[in-house]
N, C-alpha and C. Protein backbone atom coordinates (compact mmCIF):
# COMPACT_ATOMS: atom_id res chain seq x y z
N MET A 1 -14.66 13.08 18.00
CA MET A 1 -15.75 14.04 18.17
C MET A 1 -15.52 15.21 17.24
N SER A 2 -16.57 15.63 16.60
CA SER A 2 -16.52 16.76 15.69
C SER A 2 -16.19 18.04 16.45
N SER A 3 -15.46 18.93 15.81
CA SER A 3 -15.16 20.22 16.44
C SER A 3 -16.24 21.24 16.10
N SER A 4 -17.19 20.85 15.26
CA SER A 4 -18.30 21.74 14.95
C SER A 4 -19.61 21.08 15.36
N SER A 5 -20.62 21.90 15.49
CA SER A 5 -21.95 21.43 15.86
C SER A 5 -22.95 22.28 15.09
N PRO A 6 -24.22 21.93 15.14
CA PRO A 6 -25.22 22.77 14.48
C PRO A 6 -25.33 24.15 15.13
N TRP A 7 -24.75 24.29 16.33
CA TRP A 7 -24.84 25.52 17.09
C TRP A 7 -23.56 26.35 17.03
N GLY A 8 -22.58 25.88 16.28
CA GLY A 8 -21.31 26.60 16.14
C GLY A 8 -20.13 25.74 16.58
N ALA A 9 -18.99 26.41 16.72
CA ALA A 9 -17.76 25.71 17.12
C ALA A 9 -17.89 25.17 18.54
N VAL A 10 -17.52 23.93 18.72
CA VAL A 10 -17.61 23.29 20.04
C VAL A 10 -16.54 23.85 20.96
N GLN A 11 -16.96 24.30 22.14
CA GLN A 11 -16.02 24.83 23.13
C GLN A 11 -15.78 23.86 24.28
N TYR A 12 -16.75 23.02 24.59
CA TYR A 12 -16.54 22.00 25.61
C TYR A 12 -17.34 20.75 25.27
N VAL A 13 -16.86 19.63 25.78
CA VAL A 13 -17.49 18.34 25.55
C VAL A 13 -17.58 17.61 26.88
N GLU A 14 -18.76 17.06 27.16
CA GLU A 14 -18.97 16.23 28.34
C GLU A 14 -19.37 14.84 27.83
N LYS A 15 -18.49 13.88 28.01
CA LYS A 15 -18.75 12.53 27.51
C LYS A 15 -19.77 11.82 28.39
N ILE A 16 -20.81 11.30 27.75
CA ILE A 16 -21.82 10.50 28.44
C ILE A 16 -21.51 9.02 28.25
N ALA A 17 -21.18 8.66 27.02
CA ALA A 17 -20.85 7.28 26.65
C ALA A 17 -20.08 7.35 25.34
N PRO A 18 -19.40 6.29 24.96
CA PRO A 18 -18.75 6.31 23.65
C PRO A 18 -19.79 6.55 22.55
N GLY A 19 -19.69 7.68 21.87
CA GLY A 19 -20.64 8.03 20.82
C GLY A 19 -21.75 8.96 21.27
N CYS A 20 -21.75 9.36 22.52
CA CYS A 20 -22.80 10.24 23.05
C CYS A 20 -22.17 11.31 23.93
N ARG A 21 -22.42 12.57 23.58
CA ARG A 21 -21.81 13.67 24.32
C ARG A 21 -22.74 14.87 24.41
N PHE A 22 -22.58 15.63 25.50
CA PHE A 22 -23.13 16.97 25.57
C PHE A 22 -22.05 17.89 25.05
N VAL A 23 -22.41 18.84 24.21
CA VAL A 23 -21.44 19.82 23.72
C VAL A 23 -21.98 21.21 23.99
N GLY A 24 -21.05 22.14 24.13
CA GLY A 24 -21.42 23.53 24.32
C GLY A 24 -20.65 24.41 23.37
N THR A 25 -21.27 25.50 22.97
CA THR A 25 -20.64 26.48 22.11
C THR A 25 -20.71 27.83 22.83
N SER A 26 -20.30 28.88 22.16
CA SER A 26 -20.35 30.19 22.80
C SER A 26 -21.78 30.65 23.06
N SER A 27 -22.76 30.07 22.34
CA SER A 27 -24.12 30.55 22.52
C SER A 27 -25.16 29.46 22.81
N HIS A 28 -24.86 28.22 22.49
CA HIS A 28 -25.87 27.17 22.66
C HIS A 28 -25.16 25.82 22.73
N GLY A 29 -25.92 24.75 22.62
CA GLY A 29 -25.34 23.42 22.65
C GLY A 29 -26.41 22.37 22.70
N GLY A 30 -26.00 21.16 23.06
CA GLY A 30 -26.95 20.07 23.15
C GLY A 30 -26.26 18.73 23.15
N MET A 31 -27.04 17.70 22.90
CA MET A 31 -26.50 16.35 22.83
C MET A 31 -26.20 15.99 21.39
N MET A 32 -25.04 15.40 21.17
CA MET A 32 -24.65 14.90 19.86
C MET A 32 -24.34 13.42 20.01
N LEU A 33 -25.00 12.62 19.19
CA LEU A 33 -24.81 11.17 19.20
C LEU A 33 -24.35 10.74 17.82
N THR A 34 -23.32 9.90 17.79
CA THR A 34 -22.91 9.39 16.49
C THR A 34 -24.05 8.58 15.90
N GLU A 35 -24.05 8.48 14.60
CA GLU A 35 -25.10 7.73 13.92
C GLU A 35 -25.14 6.28 14.43
N LYS A 36 -23.98 5.68 14.60
CA LYS A 36 -23.92 4.29 15.07
C LYS A 36 -24.53 4.16 16.47
N PHE A 37 -24.16 5.04 17.39
CA PHE A 37 -24.69 5.00 18.75
C PHE A 37 -26.20 5.24 18.73
N ALA A 38 -26.63 6.28 18.00
CA ALA A 38 -28.04 6.63 17.97
C ALA A 38 -28.89 5.49 17.43
N LYS A 39 -28.46 4.89 16.33
CA LYS A 39 -29.26 3.81 15.73
C LYS A 39 -29.28 2.56 16.61
N LYS A 40 -28.28 2.40 17.44
CA LYS A 40 -28.24 1.25 18.36
C LYS A 40 -29.14 1.47 19.57
N HIS A 41 -29.21 2.71 20.08
CA HIS A 41 -29.85 2.97 21.37
C HIS A 41 -31.19 3.70 21.31
N LEU A 42 -31.51 4.35 20.19
CA LEU A 42 -32.72 5.17 20.15
C LEU A 42 -33.81 4.55 19.29
N THR A 43 -35.04 4.87 19.63
CA THR A 43 -36.17 4.43 18.83
C THR A 43 -36.25 5.26 17.55
N LEU A 44 -37.04 4.79 16.63
CA LEU A 44 -37.25 5.54 15.39
C LEU A 44 -37.88 6.90 15.69
N ALA A 45 -38.77 6.96 16.67
CA ALA A 45 -39.39 8.23 17.05
C ALA A 45 -38.34 9.25 17.48
N ALA A 46 -37.35 8.81 18.22
CA ALA A 46 -36.27 9.71 18.66
C ALA A 46 -35.38 10.10 17.48
N LEU A 47 -35.04 9.14 16.64
CA LEU A 47 -34.20 9.42 15.48
C LEU A 47 -34.85 10.46 14.57
N ARG A 48 -36.16 10.35 14.39
CA ARG A 48 -36.88 11.29 13.51
C ARG A 48 -36.75 12.74 13.99
N ARG A 49 -36.56 12.92 15.26
CA ARG A 49 -36.52 14.27 15.83
C ARG A 49 -35.11 14.82 15.98
N GLY A 50 -34.13 14.02 15.64
CA GLY A 50 -32.75 14.49 15.70
C GLY A 50 -32.42 15.35 14.49
N MET A 51 -31.68 16.41 14.74
CA MET A 51 -31.19 17.26 13.67
C MET A 51 -29.88 16.65 13.18
N ARG A 52 -29.76 16.43 11.89
CA ARG A 52 -28.54 15.80 11.37
C ARG A 52 -27.45 16.86 11.18
N HIS A 53 -26.26 16.50 11.58
CA HIS A 53 -25.07 17.33 11.40
C HIS A 53 -23.92 16.37 11.10
N GLY A 54 -23.60 16.23 9.83
CA GLY A 54 -22.60 15.25 9.44
C GLY A 54 -23.05 13.86 9.84
N ASN A 55 -22.22 13.16 10.59
CA ASN A 55 -22.49 11.79 11.02
C ASN A 55 -23.15 11.75 12.41
N TYR A 56 -23.80 12.83 12.80
CA TYR A 56 -24.37 12.94 14.15
C TYR A 56 -25.87 13.21 14.12
N TYR A 57 -26.55 12.73 15.15
CA TYR A 57 -27.91 13.13 15.47
C TYR A 57 -27.76 14.13 16.62
N CYS A 58 -28.37 15.30 16.47
CA CYS A 58 -28.19 16.39 17.43
C CYS A 58 -29.54 16.81 18.01
N TYR A 59 -29.51 17.10 19.32
CA TYR A 59 -30.71 17.48 20.06
C TYR A 59 -30.35 18.69 20.92
N GLU A 60 -30.95 19.84 20.62
CA GLU A 60 -30.54 21.07 21.31
C GLU A 60 -30.81 21.00 22.81
N GLU A 61 -30.08 21.85 23.54
CA GLU A 61 -30.02 21.75 25.00
C GLU A 61 -31.26 22.23 25.75
N ASP A 62 -32.12 23.01 25.14
CA ASP A 62 -33.26 23.54 25.88
C ASP A 62 -34.35 22.49 26.09
N CYS A 63 -34.80 21.87 25.04
CA CYS A 63 -35.92 20.92 25.14
C CYS A 63 -35.66 19.58 24.47
N ALA A 64 -35.03 19.60 23.31
CA ALA A 64 -34.89 18.37 22.52
C ALA A 64 -33.99 17.32 23.17
N TRP A 65 -33.03 17.73 23.98
CA TRP A 65 -32.12 16.77 24.62
C TRP A 65 -32.87 15.74 25.46
N ALA A 66 -34.06 16.10 25.93
CA ALA A 66 -34.84 15.18 26.77
C ALA A 66 -35.26 13.94 25.99
N ILE A 67 -35.34 14.05 24.67
CA ILE A 67 -35.75 12.90 23.85
C ILE A 67 -34.73 11.77 23.96
N PRO A 68 -33.46 11.98 23.59
CA PRO A 68 -32.53 10.86 23.75
C PRO A 68 -32.28 10.52 25.22
N ALA A 69 -32.27 11.53 26.08
CA ALA A 69 -32.02 11.27 27.50
C ALA A 69 -33.07 10.31 28.06
N TYR A 70 -34.32 10.48 27.67
CA TYR A 70 -35.41 9.62 28.13
C TYR A 70 -35.16 8.15 27.77
N GLU A 71 -34.57 7.95 26.61
CA GLU A 71 -34.33 6.59 26.12
C GLU A 71 -33.00 6.00 26.59
N LEU A 72 -32.19 6.80 27.22
CA LEU A 72 -30.86 6.33 27.64
C LEU A 72 -30.78 6.21 29.16
N SER A 73 -31.76 5.55 29.74
CA SER A 73 -31.82 5.44 31.21
C SER A 73 -30.58 4.79 31.80
N GLN A 74 -29.91 3.94 31.04
CA GLN A 74 -28.69 3.30 31.55
C GLN A 74 -27.56 4.32 31.77
N TYR A 75 -27.73 5.54 31.23
CA TYR A 75 -26.72 6.59 31.37
C TYR A 75 -27.21 7.77 32.22
N TRP A 76 -28.34 7.62 32.89
CA TRP A 76 -28.88 8.75 33.66
C TRP A 76 -27.91 9.24 34.72
N ASP A 77 -27.12 8.35 35.30
CA ASP A 77 -26.15 8.81 36.32
C ASP A 77 -25.16 9.80 35.72
N ARG A 78 -24.79 9.63 34.46
CA ARG A 78 -23.87 10.56 33.79
C ARG A 78 -24.60 11.77 33.24
N ILE A 79 -25.79 11.55 32.67
CA ILE A 79 -26.56 12.66 32.12
C ILE A 79 -26.93 13.64 33.22
N PHE A 80 -27.25 13.12 34.39
CA PHE A 80 -27.66 13.97 35.51
C PHE A 80 -26.57 14.09 36.57
N ALA A 81 -25.33 14.07 36.14
CA ALA A 81 -24.21 14.14 37.08
C ALA A 81 -24.17 15.48 37.83
N TYR A 82 -24.61 16.56 37.18
CA TYR A 82 -24.50 17.89 37.79
C TYR A 82 -25.84 18.48 38.18
N PHE A 83 -26.90 17.79 37.87
CA PHE A 83 -28.24 18.27 38.18
C PHE A 83 -29.07 17.07 38.60
N LYS A 84 -29.54 17.07 39.81
CA LYS A 84 -30.34 15.97 40.35
C LYS A 84 -31.79 16.43 40.52
N PRO A 85 -32.66 16.08 39.59
CA PRO A 85 -34.06 16.50 39.72
C PRO A 85 -34.70 15.86 40.95
N ALA A 86 -35.44 16.66 41.71
CA ALA A 86 -36.07 16.18 42.95
C ALA A 86 -37.00 15.00 42.69
N GLU A 87 -37.72 15.02 41.56
CA GLU A 87 -38.67 13.96 41.26
C GLU A 87 -38.04 12.75 40.59
N GLY A 88 -36.73 12.80 40.39
CA GLY A 88 -36.01 11.71 39.72
C GLY A 88 -35.94 11.96 38.22
N PRO A 89 -34.94 11.39 37.57
CA PRO A 89 -34.73 11.64 36.14
C PRO A 89 -35.91 11.24 35.25
N GLY A 90 -36.49 10.08 35.50
CA GLY A 90 -37.57 9.60 34.64
C GLY A 90 -38.78 10.52 34.62
N LEU A 91 -39.24 10.92 35.79
CA LEU A 91 -40.41 11.81 35.87
C LEU A 91 -40.05 13.20 35.34
N TYR A 92 -38.86 13.68 35.65
CA TYR A 92 -38.41 14.98 35.15
C TYR A 92 -38.44 15.01 33.61
N LEU A 93 -37.88 13.98 33.00
CA LEU A 93 -37.84 13.92 31.54
C LEU A 93 -39.24 13.75 30.95
N PHE A 94 -40.06 12.94 31.57
CA PHE A 94 -41.44 12.75 31.12
C PHE A 94 -42.19 14.07 31.12
N LYS A 95 -42.04 14.85 32.17
CA LYS A 95 -42.73 16.15 32.25
C LYS A 95 -42.21 17.10 31.18
N SER A 96 -40.92 17.14 30.98
CA SER A 96 -40.35 17.99 29.94
C SER A 96 -40.88 17.59 28.57
N LEU A 97 -40.90 16.30 28.30
CA LEU A 97 -41.41 15.82 27.02
C LEU A 97 -42.90 16.12 26.87
N SER A 98 -43.66 15.99 27.93
CA SER A 98 -45.09 16.30 27.87
C SER A 98 -45.33 17.76 27.51
N ALA A 99 -44.47 18.64 27.99
CA ALA A 99 -44.63 20.08 27.75
C ALA A 99 -44.10 20.52 26.40
N TRP A 100 -43.02 19.91 25.92
CA TRP A 100 -42.33 20.42 24.74
C TRP A 100 -42.27 19.45 23.56
N ASN A 101 -42.38 18.16 23.80
CA ASN A 101 -42.26 17.16 22.74
C ASN A 101 -43.31 16.06 22.90
N ALA A 102 -44.54 16.46 23.18
CA ALA A 102 -45.61 15.49 23.40
C ALA A 102 -45.85 14.63 22.17
N ASP A 103 -45.59 15.16 20.99
CA ASP A 103 -45.76 14.37 19.77
C ASP A 103 -44.85 13.14 19.79
N TYR A 104 -43.66 13.28 20.34
CA TYR A 104 -42.74 12.15 20.48
C TYR A 104 -43.34 11.08 21.40
N LEU A 105 -43.86 11.51 22.56
CA LEU A 105 -44.47 10.55 23.49
C LEU A 105 -45.64 9.83 22.82
N LEU A 106 -46.50 10.58 22.15
CA LEU A 106 -47.66 9.99 21.49
C LEU A 106 -47.24 8.99 20.42
N GLU A 107 -46.21 9.32 19.66
CA GLU A 107 -45.72 8.38 18.64
C GLU A 107 -45.26 7.08 19.28
N ARG A 108 -44.73 7.17 20.48
CA ARG A 108 -44.26 5.98 21.18
C ARG A 108 -45.38 5.26 21.94
N GLY A 109 -46.59 5.81 21.89
CA GLY A 109 -47.72 5.19 22.58
C GLY A 109 -47.75 5.51 24.06
N ILE A 110 -47.11 6.61 24.44
CA ILE A 110 -47.06 7.03 25.85
C ILE A 110 -47.95 8.26 26.01
N GLU A 111 -48.89 8.19 26.92
CA GLU A 111 -49.81 9.30 27.15
C GLU A 111 -49.09 10.41 27.94
N PRO A 112 -49.02 11.62 27.38
CA PRO A 112 -48.36 12.73 28.09
C PRO A 112 -49.12 13.12 29.36
N ASP A 113 -48.44 13.82 30.25
CA ASP A 113 -49.08 14.40 31.43
C ASP A 113 -50.20 15.31 30.94
N PRO A 114 -51.44 15.15 31.42
CA PRO A 114 -52.57 15.90 30.87
C PRO A 114 -52.44 17.43 30.97
N VAL A 115 -51.98 17.92 32.09
CA VAL A 115 -51.86 19.37 32.27
C VAL A 115 -50.78 19.93 31.34
N LEU A 116 -49.63 19.28 31.30
CA LEU A 116 -48.54 19.76 30.46
C LEU A 116 -48.86 19.56 28.98
N PHE A 117 -49.60 18.51 28.66
CA PHE A 117 -50.01 18.28 27.27
C PHE A 117 -50.95 19.39 26.80
N GLN A 118 -51.82 19.85 27.68
CA GLN A 118 -52.72 20.95 27.32
C GLN A 118 -51.91 22.20 27.01
N ARG A 119 -50.88 22.47 27.80
CA ARG A 119 -50.01 23.62 27.54
C ARG A 119 -49.29 23.46 26.20
N TYR A 120 -48.84 22.25 25.92
CA TYR A 120 -48.18 21.95 24.64
C TYR A 120 -49.11 22.26 23.47
N LYS A 121 -50.36 21.79 23.57
CA LYS A 121 -51.32 22.01 22.49
C LYS A 121 -51.62 23.50 22.33
N GLU A 122 -51.76 24.21 23.43
CA GLU A 122 -52.03 25.65 23.38
C GLU A 122 -50.85 26.41 22.76
N PHE A 123 -49.65 26.07 23.17
CA PHE A 123 -48.46 26.70 22.61
C PHE A 123 -48.38 26.47 21.10
N ASN A 124 -48.61 25.25 20.67
CA ASN A 124 -48.54 24.93 19.25
C ASN A 124 -49.67 25.58 18.46
N ARG A 125 -50.85 25.72 19.07
CA ARG A 125 -51.95 26.42 18.41
C ARG A 125 -51.57 27.87 18.17
N ARG A 126 -51.02 28.52 19.20
CA ARG A 126 -50.59 29.92 19.07
C ARG A 126 -49.47 30.06 18.04
N LEU A 127 -48.56 29.13 18.05
CA LEU A 127 -47.46 29.15 17.09
C LEU A 127 -48.01 29.07 15.66
N GLN A 128 -48.94 28.17 15.43
CA GLN A 128 -49.54 28.04 14.10
C GLN A 128 -50.30 29.30 13.69
N GLU A 129 -50.99 29.92 14.65
CA GLU A 129 -51.69 31.18 14.35
C GLU A 129 -50.70 32.26 13.93
N ASN A 130 -49.59 32.34 14.64
CA ASN A 130 -48.57 33.35 14.31
C ASN A 130 -47.94 33.08 12.97
N VAL A 131 -47.70 31.83 12.65
CA VAL A 131 -47.13 31.49 11.34
C VAL A 131 -48.11 31.88 10.26
N PHE A 132 -49.40 31.60 10.48
CA PHE A 132 -50.43 31.97 9.52
C PHE A 132 -50.45 33.48 9.32
N LEU A 133 -50.40 34.24 10.42
CA LEU A 133 -50.42 35.70 10.33
C LEU A 133 -49.21 36.21 9.56
N LEU A 134 -48.06 35.61 9.77
CA LEU A 134 -46.83 36.04 9.07
C LEU A 134 -46.93 35.75 7.58
N THR A 135 -47.54 34.62 7.22
CA THR A 135 -47.63 34.28 5.79
C THR A 135 -48.71 35.10 5.09
N GLU A 136 -49.67 35.61 5.84
CA GLU A 136 -50.72 36.43 5.27
C GLU A 136 -50.28 37.87 5.05
N SER A 137 -49.24 38.31 5.73
CA SER A 137 -48.79 39.71 5.63
C SER A 137 -48.09 40.00 4.34
């Protein structure tokens, strides 16, 4: 396992499977998957959204981690070892993806939750407006 991450020096590692880990730094963290593990277990849609760091595909801990987690259902018992969502891991991850990574679901041919998808579209519309305003200044 690398001692560095896209978020800084790794301070702790939680092994999910050989080649798949949660890592934490002093300020942030996420899931890091070796290239070999990621290409074996993830769809192209998930791989496209991974941030590359050396030989790793990385997914930050706030929202992006739900992408590989959604596809690694065989490891949900380890991924959710310390947090048990009331609605179950599958629905929890689906809702998170609908709100923050609906483009990933759509690429996979999965219809996002309609209410959360509307929030996703609104958030992205506002983000684009702000980017436009910044570039016009």
